[in-house]
Amino acid sequence: MICVERHIQQIRPGKWAELEAIDKKYNTVESCLGFPSKKRYRCYLGGHNVNTLIVERQWESLAAMEAMYEKAFADPAYQALEAESAPVIESVQIELYAPLP
């Protein structure tokens, strides 16, 4: 079953340029690991503040997502990026969505 993963991230004020540099590194590492492409959105109006970043990915299945994250969490380059992004990203809420039949 296809699923959509959504990360709702609160970026620390003044850290957007740093985030962009880190995200370029994530793109390289995630591409090498085989992650599906992602879409990014910044909130300008609505229920979140302007320091909110939404990142979405579509996965073929929950099993595919789980296997990919197991692979990523064991990867030293991915681990280093997680540590590098900690001072930039204040919080992350992760949501998973499944299509209706």
C-alpha atoms as a PDB file:
ATOM      1  CA  MET A   1       0.000   0.000   0.000  1.00  0.00           C
ATOM      2  CA  ILE A   2       1.341   3.430  -0.965  1.00  0.00           C
ATOM      3  CA  CYS A   3       1.910   5.874   1.894  1.00  0.00           C
ATOM      4  CA  VAL A   4       2.792   9.539   2.109  1.00  0.00           C
ATOM      5  CA  GLU A   5       5.263  10.629   4.768  1.00  0.00           C
ATOM      6  CA  ARG A   6       5.099  14.241   5.930  1.00  0.00           C
ATOM      7  CA  HIS A   7       7.620  15.947   8.194  1.00  0.00           C
ATOM      8  CA  ILE A   8       6.459  19.202   9.768  1.00  0.00           C
ATOM      9  CA  GLN A   9       9.633  20.916  10.882  1.00  0.00           C
ATOM     10  CA  GLN A  10      10.052  24.079  12.916  1.00  0.00           C
ATOM     11  CA  ILE A  11      13.199  25.812  11.703  1.00  0.00           C
ATOM     12  CA  ARG A  12      15.015  28.064  14.128  1.00  0.00           C
ATOM     13  CA  PRO A  13      14.708  31.751  13.161  1.00  0.00           C
ATOM     14  CA  GLY A  14      17.604  32.939  11.003  1.00  0.00           C
ATOM     15  CA  LYS A  15      18.710  29.382  10.150  1.00  0.00           C
ATOM     16  CA  TRP A  16      17.154  29.010   6.672  1.00  0.00           C
ATOM     17  CA  ALA A  17      20.444  29.509   4.796  1.00  0.00           C
ATOM     18  CA  GLU A  18      22.113  26.857   6.973  1.00  0.00           C
ATOM     19  CA  LEU A  19      19.154  24.555   6.373  1.00  0.00           C
ATOM     20  CA  GLU A  20      19.513  24.920   2.593  1.00  0.00           C
ATOM     21  CA  ALA A  21      23.196  23.960   2.761  1.00  0.00           C
ATOM     22  CA  ILE A  22      22.422  20.924   4.916  1.00  0.00           C
ATOM     23  CA  ASP A  23      19.504  19.918   2.702  1.00  0.00           C
ATOM     24  CA  LYS A  24      21.786  19.823  -0.351  1.00  0.00           C
ATOM     25  CA  LYS A  25      23.961  17.333   1.523  1.00  0.00           C
ATOM     26  CA  TYR A  26      20.866  15.318   2.490  1.00  0.00           C
ATOM     27  CA  ASN A  27      19.829  15.203  -1.178  1.00  0.00           C
ATOM     28  CA  THR A  28      23.178  13.681  -2.129  1.00  0.00           C
ATOM     29  CA  VAL A  29      23.217  11.100   0.676  1.00  0.00           C
ATOM     30  CA  GLU A  30      19.541  10.167   0.259  1.00  0.00           C
ATOM     31  CA  SER A  31      19.973   9.784  -3.499  1.00  0.00           C
ATOM     32  CA  CYS A  32      22.901   7.402  -2.976  1.00  0.00           C
ATOM     33  CA  LEU A  33      20.839   5.397  -0.477  1.00  0.00           C
ATOM     34  CA  GLY A  34      17.874   5.160  -2.886  1.00  0.00           C
ATOM     35  CA  PHE A  35      15.308   7.420  -1.190  1.00  0.00           C
ATOM     36  CA  PRO A  36      12.360   8.522  -3.333  1.00  0.00           C
ATOM     37  CA  SER A  37      12.312  12.204  -4.274  1.00  0.00           C
ATOM     38  CA  LYS A  38      10.834  14.706  -1.847  1.00  0.00           C
ATOM     39  CA  LYS A  39       8.862  17.915  -2.065  1.00  0.00           C
ATOM     40  CA  ARG A  40       9.445  20.843   0.271  1.00  0.00           C
ATOM     41  CA  TYR A  41       7.046  23.620   1.228  1.00  0.00           C
ATOM     42  CA  ARG A  42       7.432  26.653   3.462  1.00  0.00           C
ATOM     43  CA  CYS A  43       4.352  27.874   5.304  1.00  0.00           C
ATOM     44  CA  TYR A  44       3.402  31.477   4.627  1.00  0.00           C
ATOM     45  CA  LEU A  45      -0.185  31.493   5.850  1.00  0.00           C
ATOM     46  CA  GLY A  46      -2.252  29.054   7.884  1.00  0.00           C
ATOM     47  CA  GLY A  47      -1.992  27.000  11.028  1.00  0.00           C
ATOM     48  CA  HIS A  48       1.817  27.120  11.234  1.00  0.00           C
ATOM     49  CA  ASN A  49       4.254  30.017  11.517  1.00  0.00           C
ATOM     50  CA  VAL A  50       6.605  31.215   8.758  1.00  0.00           C
ATOM     51  CA  ASN A  51       9.460  29.125  10.167  1.00  0.00           C
ATOM     52  CA  THR A  52       7.633  25.908   9.271  1.00  0.00           C
ATOM     53  CA  LEU A  53       8.979  23.572   6.614  1.00  0.00           C
ATOM     54  CA  ILE A  54       6.905  20.688   5.262  1.00  0.00           C
ATOM     55  CA  VAL A  55       8.773  17.820   3.618  1.00  0.00           C
ATOM     56  CA  GLU A  56       6.759  15.119   1.823  1.00  0.00           C
ATOM     57  CA  ARG A  57       7.673  11.816   0.226  1.00  0.00           C
ATOM     58  CA  GLN A  58       5.619   9.061  -1.314  1.00  0.00           C
ATOM     59  CA  TRP A  59       6.641   5.484  -0.570  1.00  0.00           C
ATOM     60  CA  GLU A  60       5.605   2.286  -2.337  1.00  0.00           C
ATOM     61  CA  SER A  61       4.802   0.755   1.054  1.00  0.00           C
ATOM     62  CA  LEU A  62       5.387   1.097   4.781  1.00  0.00           C
ATOM     63  CA  ALA A  63       7.813  -1.811   4.515  1.00  0.00           C
ATOM     64  CA  ALA A  64       9.864   0.039   1.869  1.00  0.00           C
ATOM     65  CA  MET A  65       9.977   3.135   4.075  1.00  0.00           C
ATOM     66  CA  GLU A  66      11.027   1.131   7.115  1.00  0.00           C
ATOM     67  CA  ALA A  67      13.780  -0.683   5.206  1.00  0.00           C
ATOM     68  CA  MET A  68      15.137   2.584   3.814  1.00  0.00           C
ATOM     69  CA  TYR A  69      15.264   4.264   7.213  1.00  0.00           C
ATOM     70  CA  GLU A  70      16.991   1.239   8.747  1.00  0.00           C
ATOM     71  CA  LYS A  71      19.607   1.561   6.011  1.00  0.00           C
ATOM     72  CA  ALA A  72      19.888   5.346   6.513  1.00  0.00           C
ATOM     73  CA  PHE A  73      20.164   5.187  10.307  1.00  0.00           C
ATOM     74  CA  ALA A  74      23.109   2.786   9.929  1.00  0.00           C
ATOM     75  CA  ASP A  75      24.869   5.055   7.402  1.00  0.00           C
ATOM     76  CA  PRO A  76      27.630   7.272   8.896  1.00  0.00           C
ATOM     77  CA  ALA A  77      27.015  10.116   6.401  1.00  0.00           C
ATOM     78  CA  TYR A  78      23.300  10.173   7.241  1.00  0.00           C
ATOM     79  CA  GLN A  79      24.066  10.089  10.972  1.00  0.00           C
ATOM     80  CA  ALA A  80      26.440  13.046  10.567  1.00  0.00           C
ATOM     81  CA  LEU A  81      23.723  15.058   8.808  1.00  0.00           C
ATOM     82  CA  GLU A  82      21.254  14.301  11.584  1.00  0.00           C
ATOM     83  CA  ALA A  83      23.746  15.748  14.080  1.00  0.00           C
ATOM     84  CA  GLU A  84      24.499  18.743  11.826  1.00  0.00           C
ATOM     85  CA  SER A  85      20.823  19.607  11.453  1.00  0.00           C
ATOM     86  CA  ALA A  86      20.052  19.489  15.202  1.00  0.00           C
ATOM     87  CA  PRO A  87      20.991  23.150  15.856  1.00  0.00           C
ATOM     88  CA  VAL A  88      18.923  24.269  12.828  1.00  0.00           C
ATOM     89  CA  ILE A  89      15.712  22.274  13.271  1.00  0.00           C
ATOM     90  CA  GLU A  90      13.871  23.026  16.491  1.00  0.00           C
ATOM     91  CA  SER A  91      11.276  20.240  16.243  1.00  0.00           C
ATOM     92  CA  VAL A  92       9.870  17.647  13.849  1.00  0.00           C
ATOM     93  CA  GLN A  93       6.436  16.063  13.746  1.00  0.00           C
ATOM     94  CA  ILE A  94       6.091  13.079  11.395  1.00  0.00           C
ATOM     95  CA  GLU A  95       2.783  12.050   9.856  1.00  0.00           C
ATOM     96  CA  LEU A  96       1.939   9.083   7.616  1.00  0.00           C
ATOM     97  CA  TYR A  97      -1.021   9.013   5.246  1.00  0.00           C
ATOM     98  CA  ALA A  98      -2.579   6.165   3.268  1.00  0.00           C
ATOM     99  CA  PRO A  99      -4.918   6.552   0.280  1.00  0.00           C
ATOM    100  CA  LEU A 100      -8.585   5.819   0.694  1.00  0.00           C
ATOM    101  CA  PRO A 101      -9.897   2.816  -1.233  1.00  0.00           C
END
